[in-house]
Each structure stands twice: as C-alpha cells, then as structure tokens.
Amino acid sequence: QWRVFEMAEPRLETAAGTLGTRLVLAGGFSASMFEGLPITT
C-alpha cells in the first residue's frame, strides 16, 4: 500500500532524479501562488 512521508518543504515544478536508492528533488517553487511562488535552490 502507499505510505505517506511528509516533505521538509513543499515543491512545485521541481526536478526529480534518482541517485542510488535516493530520489533527488532539485529547485522548483517552494510555496504556492498565494505565497508569492518563491523559487528555492
């Protein structure tokens, strides 16, 4: 069954890849449009 793991911060339009057994999420918006759509590094 699917399990839910909370992210440290939300992401939108992020980049995703794999590194061994790890998923990698790079950049993207870290908050919603109502919060100004900040872009994270």
Full PDB file with SEQRES, HELIX, SHEET, SSBOND, CRYST1, ORIGX, SCALE, CONECT and MASTER records, all heavy atoms in Angstrom:
SEQRES   1 A   41  GLN TRP ARG VAL PHE GLU MET ALA GLU PRO ARG LEU GLU          
SEQRES   2 A   41  THR ALA ALA GLY THR LEU GLY THR ARG LEU VAL LEU ALA          
SEQRES   3 A   41  GLY GLY PHE SER ALA SER MET PHE GLU GLY LEU PRO ILE          
SEQRES   4 A   41  THR THR                                                      
HELIX    1 AA1 MET A   33  GLU A   35  5                                   3    
SHEET    1 AA1 2 ALA A  15  LEU A  19  0                                        
SHEET    2 AA1 2 ARG A  22  ALA A  26 -1                                        
CRYST1    1.000    1.000    1.000  90.00  90.00  90.00 P 1           1          
ORIGX1      1.000000  0.000000  0.000000        0.00000                         
ORIGX2      0.000000  1.000000  0.000000        0.00000                         
ORIGX3      0.000000  0.000000  1.000000        0.00000                         
SCALE1      1.000000  0.000000  0.000000        0.00000                         
SCALE2      0.000000  1.000000  0.000000        0.00000                         
SCALE3      0.000000  0.000000  1.000000        0.00000                         
ATOM      1  N   GLN A   1       0.840  -1.188   0.000  1.00  0.00           N  
ATOM      2  CA  GLN A   1       0.000   0.000   0.000  1.00  0.00           C  
ATOM      3  C   GLN A   1       0.877   1.240   0.000  1.00  0.00           C  
ATOM      4  O   GLN A   1       2.038   1.212   0.406  1.00  0.00           O  
ATOM      5  CB  GLN A   1      -0.909   0.007   1.238  1.00  0.00           C  
ATOM      6  CG  GLN A   1      -1.875  -1.173   1.293  1.00  0.00           C  
ATOM      7  CD  GLN A   1      -2.704  -1.154   2.558  1.00  0.00           C  
ATOM      8  OE1 GLN A   1      -2.371  -0.498   3.538  1.00  0.00           O  
ATOM      9  NE2 GLN A   1      -3.819  -1.876   2.535  1.00  0.00           N  
ATOM     10  N   TRP A   2       0.299   2.327  -0.494  1.00  0.00           N  
ATOM     11  CA  TRP A   2       1.014   3.600  -0.478  1.00  0.00           C  
ATOM     12  C   TRP A   2       1.204   4.069   0.957  1.00  0.00           C  
ATOM     13  O   TRP A   2       0.306   3.930   1.790  1.00  0.00           O  
ATOM     14  CB  TRP A   2       0.224   4.662  -1.246  1.00  0.00           C  
ATOM     15  CG  TRP A   2       0.244   4.477  -2.727  1.00  0.00           C  
ATOM     16  CD1 TRP A   2      -0.670   3.821  -3.482  1.00  0.00           C  
ATOM     17  CD2 TRP A   2       1.236   4.950  -3.629  1.00  0.00           C  
ATOM     18  NE1 TRP A   2      -0.320   3.853  -4.799  1.00  0.00           N  
ATOM     19  CE2 TRP A   2       0.841   4.539  -4.928  1.00  0.00           C  
ATOM     20  CE3 TRP A   2       2.412   5.683  -3.484  1.00  0.00           C  
ATOM     21  CZ2 TRP A   2       1.590   4.833  -6.067  1.00  0.00           C  
ATOM     22  CZ3 TRP A   2       3.158   5.981  -4.617  1.00  0.00           C  
ATOM     23  CH2 TRP A   2       2.748   5.557  -5.880  1.00  0.00           C  
ATOM     24  N   ARG A   3       2.375   4.609   1.232  1.00  0.00           N  
ATOM     25  CA  ARG A   3       2.647   5.224   2.521  1.00  0.00           C  
ATOM     26  C   ARG A   3       2.949   6.704   2.319  1.00  0.00           C  
ATOM     27  O   ARG A   3       3.451   7.105   1.276  1.00  0.00           O  
ATOM     28  CB  ARG A   3       3.835   4.542   3.208  1.00  0.00           C  
ATOM     29  CG  ARG A   3       3.540   3.108   3.638  1.00  0.00           C  
ATOM     30  CD  ARG A   3       4.755   2.497   4.331  1.00  0.00           C  
ATOM     31  NE  ARG A   3       5.858   2.300   3.395  1.00  0.00           N  
ATOM     32  CZ  ARG A   3       7.109   2.015   3.761  1.00  0.00           C  
ATOM     33  NH1 ARG A   3       7.411   1.920   5.039  1.00  0.00           N  
ATOM     34  NH2 ARG A   3       8.040   1.823   2.856  1.00  0.00           N  
ATOM     35  N   VAL A   4       2.637   7.505   3.290  1.00  0.00           N  
ATOM     36  CA  VAL A   4       2.808   8.955   3.194  1.00  0.00           C  
ATOM     37  C   VAL A   4       4.016   9.382   4.017  1.00  0.00           C  
ATOM     38  O   VAL A   4       4.136   9.036   5.195  1.00  0.00           O  
ATOM     39  CB  VAL A   4       1.547   9.697   3.694  1.00  0.00           C  
ATOM     40  CG1 VAL A   4       1.776  11.205   3.659  1.00  0.00           C  
ATOM     41  CG2 VAL A   4       0.342   9.311   2.848  1.00  0.00           C  
ATOM     42  N   PHE A   5       4.923  10.124   3.375  1.00  0.00           N  
ATOM     43  CA  PHE A   5       6.088  10.682   4.060  1.00  0.00           C  
ATOM     44  C   PHE A   5       6.060  12.193   3.845  1.00  0.00           C  
ATOM     45  O   PHE A   5       6.095  12.666   2.711  1.00  0.00           O  
ATOM     46  CB  PHE A   5       7.393  10.103   3.490  1.00  0.00           C  
ATOM     47  CG  PHE A   5       7.544   8.621   3.684  1.00  0.00           C  
ATOM     48  CD1 PHE A   5       7.083   7.731   2.721  1.00  0.00           C  
ATOM     49  CD2 PHE A   5       8.152   8.119   4.817  1.00  0.00           C  
ATOM     50  CE1 PHE A   5       7.230   6.362   2.894  1.00  0.00           C  
ATOM     51  CE2 PHE A   5       8.296   6.754   4.999  1.00  0.00           C  
ATOM     52  CZ  PHE A   5       7.839   5.873   4.044  1.00  0.00           C  
ATOM     53  N   GLU A   6       5.985  12.942   4.919  1.00  0.00           N  
ATOM     54  CA  GLU A   6       5.906  14.398   4.815  1.00  0.00           C  
ATOM     55  C   GLU A   6       7.240  14.979   4.351  1.00  0.00           C  
ATOM     56  O   GLU A   6       8.303  14.628   4.859  1.00  0.00           O  
ATOM     57  CB  GLU A   6       5.534  15.005   6.175  1.00  0.00           C  
ATOM     58  CG  GLU A   6       4.132  14.667   6.639  1.00  0.00           C  
ATOM     59  CD  GLU A   6       3.066  15.309   5.757  1.00  0.00           C  
ATOM     60  OE1 GLU A   6       3.352  16.362   5.157  1.00  0.00           O  
ATOM     61  OE2 GLU A   6       1.962  14.755   5.682  1.00  0.00           O  
ATOM     62  N   MET A   7       7.178  15.877   3.362  1.00  0.00           N  
ATOM     63  CA  MET A   7       8.377  16.557   2.875  1.00  0.00           C  
ATOM     64  C   MET A   7       8.793  17.641   3.856  1.00  0.00           C  
ATOM     65  O   MET A   7       7.976  18.184   4.602  1.00  0.00           O  
ATOM     66  CB  MET A   7       8.119  17.184   1.508  1.00  0.00           C  
ATOM     67  CG  MET A   7       7.828  16.199   0.408  1.00  0.00           C  
ATOM     68  SD  MET A   7       7.503  17.029  -1.167  1.00  0.00           S  
ATOM     69  CE  MET A   7       9.115  17.773  -1.499  1.00  0.00           C  
ATOM     70  N   ALA A   8      10.082  17.964   3.812  1.00  0.00           N  
ATOM     71  CA  ALA A   8      10.583  19.050   4.651  1.00  0.00           C  
ATOM     72  C   ALA A   8       9.972  20.381   4.226  1.00  0.00           C  
ATOM     73  O   ALA A   8       9.752  21.275   5.044  1.00  0.00           O  
ATOM     74  CB  ALA A   8      12.106  19.115   4.559  1.00  0.00           C  
ATOM     75  N   GLU A   9       9.714  20.535   2.929  1.00  0.00           N  
ATOM     76  CA  GLU A   9       9.039  21.719   2.408  1.00  0.00           C  
ATOM     77  C   GLU A   9       8.330  21.321   1.111  1.00  0.00           C  
ATOM     78  O   GLU A   9       8.760  20.401   0.418  1.00  0.00           O  
ATOM     79  CB  GLU A   9      10.017  22.862   2.137  1.00  0.00           C  
ATOM     80  CG  GLU A   9      11.098  22.528   1.136  1.00  0.00           C  
ATOM     81  CD  GLU A   9      12.071  23.676   0.904  1.00  0.00           C  
ATOM     82  OE1 GLU A   9      12.301  24.458   1.842  1.00  0.00           O  
ATOM     83  OE2 GLU A   9      12.596  23.770  -0.212  1.00  0.00           O  
ATOM     84  N   PRO A  10       7.232  21.983   0.771  1.00  0.00           N  
ATOM     85  CA  PRO A  10       6.504  21.607  -0.450  1.00  0.00           C  
ATOM     86  C   PRO A  10       7.300  21.982  -1.696  1.00  0.00           C  
ATOM     87  O   PRO A  10       8.170  22.857  -1.662  1.00  0.00           O  
ATOM     88  CB  PRO A  10       5.216  22.417  -0.349  1.00  0.00           C  
ATOM     89  CG  PRO A  10       5.580  23.593   0.508  1.00  0.00           C  
ATOM     90  CD  PRO A  10       6.595  23.086   1.488  1.00  0.00           C  
ATOM     91  N   ARG A  11       6.995  21.314  -2.790  1.00  0.00           N  
ATOM     92  CA  ARG A  11       7.651  21.596  -4.069  1.00  0.00           C  
ATOM     93  C   ARG A  11       6.645  21.561  -5.206  1.00  0.00           C  
ATOM     94  O   ARG A  11       5.739  20.733  -5.217  1.00  0.00           O  
ATOM     95  CB  ARG A  11       8.753  20.569  -4.355  1.00  0.00           C  
ATOM     96  CG  ARG A  11       9.975  20.671  -3.459  1.00  0.00           C  
ATOM     97  CD  ARG A  11      10.685  22.007  -3.606  1.00  0.00           C  
ATOM     98  NE  ARG A  11      11.786  22.111  -2.683  1.00  0.00           N  
ATOM     99  CZ  ARG A  11      13.035  21.721  -2.970  1.00  0.00           C  
ATOM    100  NH1 ARG A  11      13.311  21.185  -4.133  1.00  0.00           N  
ATOM    101  NH2 ARG A  11      13.985  21.866  -2.084  1.00  0.00           N  
ATOM    102  N   LEU A  12       6.845  22.469  -6.161  1.00  0.00           N  
ATOM    103  CA  LEU A  12       6.049  22.523  -7.380  1.00  0.00           C  
ATOM    104  C   LEU A  12       7.007  22.796  -8.529  1.00  0.00           C  
ATOM    105  O   LEU A  12       7.916  23.636  -8.400  1.00  0.00           O  
ATOM    106  CB  LEU A  12       4.998  23.630  -7.277  1.00  0.00           C  
ATOM    107  CG  LEU A  12       4.131  23.906  -8.517  1.00  0.00           C  
ATOM    108  CD1 LEU A  12       3.216  22.721  -8.798  1.00  0.00           C  
ATOM    109  CD2 LEU A  12       3.314  25.180  -8.320  1.00  0.00           C  
ATOM    110  N   GLU A  13       6.804  22.109  -9.654  1.00  0.00           N  
ATOM    111  CA  GLU A  13       7.673  22.254 -10.822  1.00  0.00           C  
ATOM    112  C   GLU A  13       9.144  22.041 -10.447  1.00  0.00           C  
ATOM    113  O   GLU A  13      10.034  22.748 -10.911  1.00  0.00           O  
ATOM    114  CB  GLU A  13       7.487  23.632 -11.480  1.00  0.00           C  
ATOM    115  CG  GLU A  13       6.050  23.963 -11.848  1.00  0.00           C  
ATOM    116  CD  GLU A  13       5.483  23.096 -12.977  1.00  0.00           C  
ATOM    117  OE1 GLU A  13       6.109  22.097 -13.339  1.00  0.00           O  
ATOM    118  OE2 GLU A  13       4.398  23.435 -13.471  1.00  0.00           O  
ATOM    119  N   THR A  14       9.375  21.047  -9.602  1.00  0.00           N  
ATOM    120  CA  THR A  14      10.729  20.696  -9.208  1.00  0.00           C  
ATOM    121  C   THR A  14      11.325  19.719 -10.210  1.00  0.00           C  
ATOM    122  O   THR A  14      10.612  19.154 -11.048  1.00  0.00           O  
ATOM    123  CB  THR A  14      10.729  20.080  -7.796  1.00  0.00           C  
ATOM    124  OG1 THR A  14      12.053  19.925  -7.334  1.00  0.00           O  
ATOM    125  CG2 THR A  14      10.036  18.716  -7.788  1.00  0.00           C  
ATOM    126  N   ALA A  15      12.637  19.523 -10.148  1.00  0.00           N  
ATOM    127  CA  ALA A  15      13.296  18.499 -10.961  1.00  0.00           C  
ATOM    128  C   ALA A  15      13.473  17.255 -10.106  1.00  0.00           C  
ATOM    129  O   ALA A  15      13.738  17.341  -8.910  1.00  0.00           O  
ATOM    130  CB  ALA A  15      14.653  18.999 -11.434  1.00  0.00           C  
ATOM    131  N   ALA A  16      13.322  16.088 -10.716  1.00  0.00           N  
ATOM    132  CA  ALA A  16      13.445  14.840  -9.977  1.00  0.00           C  
ATOM    133  C   ALA A  16      14.381  13.888 -10.696  1.00  0.00           C  
ATOM    134  O   ALA A  16      14.373  13.793 -11.924  1.00  0.00           O  
ATOM    135  CB  ALA A  16      12.076  14.188  -9.803  1.00  0.00           C  
ATOM    136  N   GLY A  17      15.204  13.196  -9.918  1.00  0.00           N  
ATOM    137  CA  GLY A  17      16.098  12.176 -10.452  1.00  0.00           C  
ATOM    138  C   GLY A  17      16.343  11.130  -9.393  1.00  0.00           C  
ATOM    139  O   GLY A  17      15.788  11.193  -8.286  1.00  0.00           O  
ATOM    140  N   THR A  18      17.140  10.141  -9.717  1.00  0.00           N  
ATOM    141  CA  THR A  18      17.470   9.093  -8.754  1.00  0.00           C  
ATOM    142  C   THR A  18      18.977   9.023  -8.580  1.00  0.00           C  
ATOM    143  O   THR A  18      19.740   9.180  -9.532  1.00  0.00           O  
ATOM    144  CB  THR A  18      16.951   7.714  -9.215  1.00  0.00           C  
ATOM    145  OG1 THR A  18      17.527   7.375 -10.485  1.00  0.00           O  
ATOM    146  CG2 THR A  18      15.441   7.724  -9.328  1.00  0.00           C  
ATOM    147  N   LEU A  19      19.394   8.776  -7.349  1.00  0.00           N  
ATOM    148  CA  LEU A  19      20.806   8.631  -7.004  1.00  0.00           C  
ATOM    149  C   LEU A  19      20.918   7.408  -6.105  1.00  0.00           C  
ATOM    150  O   LEU A  19      20.701   7.493  -4.899  1.00  0.00           O  
ATOM    151  CB  LEU A  19      21.311   9.895  -6.290  1.00  0.00           C  
ATOM    152  CG  LEU A  19      22.790   9.946  -5.906  1.00  0.00           C  
ATOM    153  CD1 LEU A  19      23.669   9.872  -7.147  1.00  0.00           C  
ATOM    154  CD2 LEU A  19      23.090  11.215  -5.114  1.00  0.00           C  
ATOM    155  N   GLY A  20      21.209   6.257  -6.715  1.00  0.00           N  
ATOM    156  CA  GLY A  20      21.199   5.017  -5.950  1.00  0.00           C  
ATOM    157  C   GLY A  20      19.790   4.723  -5.467  1.00  0.00           C  
ATOM    158  O   GLY A  20      18.851   4.666  -6.262  1.00  0.00           O  
ATOM    159  N   THR A  21      19.629   4.561  -4.169  1.00  0.00           N  
ATOM    160  CA  THR A  21      18.300   4.297  -3.601  1.00  0.00           C  
ATOM    161  C   THR A  21      17.589   5.582  -3.189  1.00  0.00           C  
ATOM    162  O   THR A  21      16.525   5.534  -2.580  1.00  0.00           O  
ATOM    163  CB  THR A  21      18.417   3.385  -2.369  1.00  0.00           C  
ATOM    164  OG1 THR A  21      19.219   4.033  -1.366  1.00  0.00           O  
ATOM    165  CG2 THR A  21      19.054   2.051  -2.743  1.00  0.00           C  
ATOM    166  N   ARG A  22      18.165   6.731  -3.532  1.00  0.00           N  
ATOM    167  CA  ARG A  22      17.573   8.005  -3.135  1.00  0.00           C  
ATOM    168  C   ARG A  22      16.933   8.720  -4.320  1.00  0.00           C  
ATOM    169  O   ARG A  22      17.443   8.685  -5.436  1.00  0.00           O  
ATOM    170  CB  ARG A  22      18.634   8.926  -2.517  1.00  0.00           C  
ATOM    171  CG  ARG A  22      19.162   8.447  -1.171  1.00  0.00           C  
ATOM    172  CD  ARG A  22      20.187   9.421  -0.618  1.00  0.00           C  
ATOM    173  NE  ARG A  22      21.404   9.439  -1.421  1.00  0.00           N  
ATOM    174  CZ  ARG A  22      22.400  10.313  -1.233  1.00  0.00           C  
ATOM    175  NH1 ARG A  22      22.302  11.245  -0.285  1.00  0.00           N  
ATOM    176  NH2 ARG A  22      23.485  10.247  -1.993  1.00  0.00           N  
ATOM    177  N   LEU A  23      15.804   9.365  -4.060  1.00  0.00           N  
ATOM    178  CA  LEU A  23      15.225  10.307  -5.003  1.00  0.00           C  
ATOM    179  C   LEU A  23      15.843  11.666  -4.749  1.00  0.00           C  
ATOM    180  O   LEU A  23      16.110  12.040  -3.602  1.00  0.00           O  
ATOM    181  CB  LEU A  23      13.709  10.388  -4.824  1.00  0.00           C  
ATOM    182  CG  LEU A  23      12.913   9.094  -4.996  1.00  0.00           C  
ATOM    183  CD1 LEU A  23      11.434   9.366  -4.725  1.00  0.00           C  
ATOM    184  CD2 LEU A  23      13.103   8.510  -6.374  1.00  0.00           C  
ATOM    185  N   VAL A  24      16.063  12.411  -5.807  1.00  0.00           N  
ATOM    186  CA  VAL A  24      16.640  13.753  -5.710  1.00  0.00           C  
ATOM    187  C   VAL A  24      15.630  14.752  -6.253  1.00  0.00           C  
ATOM    188  O   VAL A  24      15.128  14.595  -7.378  1.00  0.00           O  
ATOM    189  CB  VAL A  24      17.959  13.862  -6.499  1.00  0.00           C  
ATOM    190  CG1 VAL A  24      18.507  15.288  -6.431  1.00  0.00           C  
ATOM    191  CG2 VAL A  24      18.989  12.872  -5.963  1.00  0.00           C  
ATOM    192  N   LEU A  25      15.303  15.772  -5.462  1.00  0.00           N  
ATOM    193  CA  LEU A  25      14.399  16.842  -5.869  1.00  0.00           C  
ATOM    194  C   LEU A  25      15.170  18.144  -5.834  1.00  0.00           C  
ATOM    195  O   LEU A  25      15.648  18.558  -4.770  1.00  0.00           O  
ATOM    196  CB  LEU A  25      13.182  16.927  -4.946  1.00  0.00           C  
ATOM    197  CG  LEU A  25      12.342  15.656  -4.804  1.00  0.00           C  
ATOM    198  CD1 LEU A  25      11.206  15.897  -3.817  1.00  0.00           C  
ATOM    199  CD2 LEU A  25      11.807  15.207  -6.140  1.00  0.00           C  
ATOM    200  N   ALA A  26      15.295  18.802  -6.995  1.00  0.00           N  
ATOM    201  CA  ALA A  26      16.155  19.984  -7.093  1.00  0.00           C  
ATOM    202  C   ALA A  26      15.361  21.194  -7.560  1.00  0.00           C  
ATOM    203  O   ALA A  26      14.679  21.150  -8.588  1.00  0.00           O  
ATOM    204  CB  ALA A  26      17.303  19.709  -8.066  1.00  0.00           C  
ATOM    205  N   GLY A  27      15.481  22.288  -6.805  1.00  0.00           N  
ATOM    206  CA  GLY A  27      14.860  23.538  -7.193  1.00  0.00           C  
ATOM    207  C   GLY A  27      13.352  23.463  -7.206  1.00  0.00           C  
ATOM    208  O   GLY A  27      12.728  22.621  -6.571  1.00  0.00           O  
ATOM    209  N   GLY A  28      12.744  24.385  -7.955  1.00  0.00           N  
ATOM    210  CA  GLY A  28      11.289  24.450  -8.054  1.00  0.00           C  
ATOM    211  C   GLY A  28      10.702  25.499  -7.120  1.00  0.00           C  
ATOM    212  O   GLY A  28      11.405  26.139  -6.334  1.00  0.00           O  
ATOM    213  N   PHE A  29       9.401  25.688  -7.216  1.00  0.00           N  
ATOM    214  CA  PHE A  29       8.697  26.592  -6.308  1.00  0.00           C  
ATOM    215  C   PHE A  29       8.538  25.899  -4.959  1.00  0.00           C  
ATOM    216  O   PHE A  29       8.198  24.723  -4.889  1.00  0.00           O  
ATOM    217  CB  PHE A  29       7.316  26.943  -6.869  1.00  0.00           C  
ATOM    218  CG  PHE A  29       7.344  27.684  -8.179  1.00  0.00           C  
ATOM    219  CD1 PHE A  29       6.867  27.082  -9.337  1.00  0.00           C  
ATOM    220  CD2 PHE A  29       7.839  28.972  -8.248  1.00  0.00           C  
ATOM    221  CE1 PHE A  29       6.873  27.759 -10.544  1.00  0.00           C  
ATOM    222  CE2 PHE A  29       7.858  29.663  -9.463  1.00  0.00           C  
ATOM    223  CZ  PHE A  29       7.372  29.046 -10.612  1.00  0.00           C  
ATOM    224  N   SER A  30       8.759  26.660  -3.892  1.00  0.00           N  
ATOM    225  CA  SER A  30       8.672  26.083  -2.550  1.00  0.00           C  
ATOM    226  C   SER A  30       7.421  26.528  -1.796  1.00  0.00           C  
ATOM    227  O   SER A  30       7.254  26.204  -0.618  1.00  0.00           O  
ATOM    228  CB  SER A  30       9.913  26.441  -1.736  1.00  0.00           C  
ATOM    229  OG  SER A  30      10.051  27.853  -1.636  1.00  0.00           O  
ATOM    230  N   ALA A  31       6.555  27.273  -2.450  1.00  0.00           N  
ATOM    231  CA  ALA A  31       5.290  27.680  -1.837  1.00  0.00           C  
ATOM    232  C   ALA A  31       4.307  28.015  -2.952  1.00  0.00           C  
ATOM    233  O   ALA A  31       4.682  28.104  -4.127  1.00  0.00           O  
ATOM    234  CB  ALA A  31       5.480  28.869  -0.895  1.00  0.00           C  
ATOM    235  N   SER A  32       3.071  28.239  -2.585  1.00  0.00           N  
ATOM    236  CA  SER A  32       2.006  28.413  -3.565  1.00  0.00           C  
ATOM    237  C   SER A  32       2.005  29.820  -4.163  1.00  0.00           C  
ATOM    238  O   SER A  32       2.727  30.717  -3.718  1.00  0.00           O  
ATOM    239  CB  SER A  32       0.659  28.153  -2.900  1.00  0.00           C  
ATOM    240  OG  SER A  32       0.364  29.202  -1.985  1.00  0.00           O  
ATOM    241  N   MET A  33       1.110  30.001  -5.150  1.00  0.00           N  
ATOM    242  CA  MET A  33       0.952  31.307  -5.780  1.00  0.00           C  
ATOM    243  C   MET A  33       0.501  32.349  -4.764  1.00  0.00           C  
ATOM    244  O   MET A  33       0.899  33.516  -4.824  1.00  0.00           O  
ATOM    245  CB  MET A  33      -0.069  31.199  -6.915  1.00  0.00           C  
ATOM    246  CG  MET A  33      -0.295  32.485  -7.692  1.00  0.00           C  
ATOM    247  SD  MET A  33      -1.553  32.275  -8.978  1.00  0.00           S  
ATOM    248  CE  MET A  33      -0.772  31.025  -9.992  1.00  0.00           C  
ATOM    249  N   PHE A  34      -0.316  31.927  -3.804  1.00  0.00           N  
ATOM    250  CA  PHE A  34      -0.806  32.856  -2.788  1.00  0.00           C  
ATOM    251  C   PHE A  34       0.302  33.303  -1.845  1.00  0.00           C  
ATOM    252  O   PHE A  34       0.169  34.296  -1.148  1.00  0.00           O  
ATOM    253  CB  PHE A  34      -1.940  32.203  -1.999  1.00  0.00           C  
ATOM    254  CG  PHE A  34      -3.080  31.767  -2.866  1.00  0.00           C  
ATOM    255  CD1 PHE A  34      -3.264  30.434  -3.177  1.00  0.00           C  
ATOM    256  CD2 PHE A  34      -3.963  32.701  -3.397  1.00  0.00           C  
ATOM    257  CE1 PHE A  34      -4.317  30.028  -3.983  1.00  0.00           C  
ATOM    258  CE2 PHE A  34      -5.021  32.303  -4.210  1.00  0.00           C  
ATOM    259  CZ  PHE A  34      -5.190  30.960  -4.507  1.00  0.00           C  
ATOM    260  N   GLU A  35       1.410  32.548  -1.850  1.00  0.00           N  
ATOM    261  CA  GLU A  35       2.565  32.900  -1.019  1.00  0.00           C  
ATOM    262  C   GLU A  35       3.706  33.471  -1.843  1.00  0.00           C  
ATOM    263  O   GLU A  35       4.834  33.548  -1.386  1.00  0.00           O  
ATOM    264  CB  GLU A  35       3.025  31.667  -0.243  1.00  0.00           C  
ATOM    265  CG  GLU A  35       1.970  31.110   0.696  1.00  0.00           C  
ATOM    266  CD  GLU A  35       2.354  29.746   1.254  1.00  0.00           C  
ATOM    267  OE1 GLU A  35       2.254  28.743   0.515  1.00  0.00           O  
ATOM    268  OE2 GLU A  35       2.751  29.693   2.441  1.00  0.00           O  
ATOM    269  N   GLY A  36       3.411  33.849  -3.098  1.00  0.00           N  
ATOM    270  CA  GLY A  36       4.389  34.541  -3.917  1.00  0.00           C  
ATOM    271  C   GLY A  36       5.234  33.665  -4.821  1.00  0.00           C  
ATOM    272  O   GLY A  36       6.126  34.165  -5.494  1.00  0.00           O  
ATOM    273  N   LEU A  37       5.008  32.364  -4.858  1.00  0.00           N  
ATOM    274  CA  LEU A  37       5.774  31.435  -5.686  1.00  0.00           C  
ATOM    275  C   LEU A  37       7.295  31.619  -5.541  1.00  0.00           C  
ATOM    276  O   LEU A  37       8.003  31.831  -6.526  1.00  0.00           O  
ATOM    277  CB  LEU A  37       5.382  31.579  -7.159  1.00  0.00           C  
ATOM    278  CG  LEU A  37       4.037  30.992  -7.587  1.00  0.00           C  
ATOM    279  CD1 LEU A  37       3.783  31.295  -9.057  1.00  0.00           C  
ATOM    280  CD2 LEU A  37       4.002  29.491  -7.355  1.00  0.00           C  
ATOM    281  N   PRO A  38       7.817  31.541  -4.327  1.00  0.00           N  
ATOM    282  CA  PRO A  38       9.279  31.632  -4.184  1.00  0.00           C  
ATOM    283  C   PRO A  38       9.959  30.430  -4.828  1.00  0.00           C  
ATOM    284  O   PRO A  38       9.439  29.311  -4.796  1.00  0.00           O  
ATOM    285  CB  PRO A  38       9.480  31.635  -2.665  1.00  0.00           C  
ATOM    286  CG  PRO A  38       8.291  30.922  -2.123  1.00  0.00           C  
ATOM    287  CD  PRO A  38       7.153  31.286  -3.037  1.00  0.00           C  
ATOM    288  N   ILE A  39      11.118  30.651  -5.420  1.00  0.00           N  
ATOM    289  CA  ILE A  39      11.886  29.587  -6.058  1.00  0.00           C  
ATOM    290  C   ILE A  39      13.060  29.234  -5.152  1.00  0.00           C  
ATOM    291  O   ILE A  39      13.814  30.101  -4.708  1.00  0.00           O  
ATOM    292  CB  ILE A  39      12.395  30.015  -7.446  1.00  0.00           C  
ATOM    293  CG1 ILE A  39      11.211  30.365  -8.347  1.00  0.00           C  
ATOM    294  CG2 ILE A  39      13.235  28.904  -8.084  1.00  0.00           C  
ATOM    295  CD1 ILE A  39      11.610  30.957  -9.680  1.00  0.00           C  
ATOM    296  N   THR A  40      13.205  27.959  -4.870  1.00  0.00           N  
ATOM    297  CA  THR A  40      14.246  27.504  -3.958  1.00  0.00           C  
ATOM    298  C   THR A  40      15.448  26.959  -4.722  1.00  0.00           C  
ATOM    299  O   THR A  40      15.311  26.473  -5.852  1.00  0.00           O  
ATOM    300  CB  THR A  40      13.707  26.418  -3.015  1.00  0.00           C  
ATOM    301  OG1 THR A  40      14.727  26.030  -2.096  1.00  0.00           O  
ATOM    302  CG2 THR A  40      13.250  25.180  -3.780  1.00  0.00           C  
ATOM    303  N   THR A  41      16.597  27.046  -4.098  1.00  0.00           N  
ATOM    304  CA  THR A  41      17.808  26.416  -4.642  1.00  0.00           C  
ATOM    305  C   THR A  41      18.128  25.116  -3.910  1.00  0.00           C  
ATOM    306  O   THR A  41      19.101  24.441  -4.251  1.00  0.00           O  
ATOM    307  CB  THR A  41      19.025  27.355  -4.516  1.00  0.00           C  
ATOM    308  OG1 THR A  41      19.222  27.679  -3.132  1.00  0.00           O  
ATOM    309  CG2 THR A  41      18.811  28.632  -5.313  1.00  0.00           C  
TER     310      THR A  41                                                      
MASTER        0    0    0    1    2    0    0    6  309    1    0    4          
END                                                                             
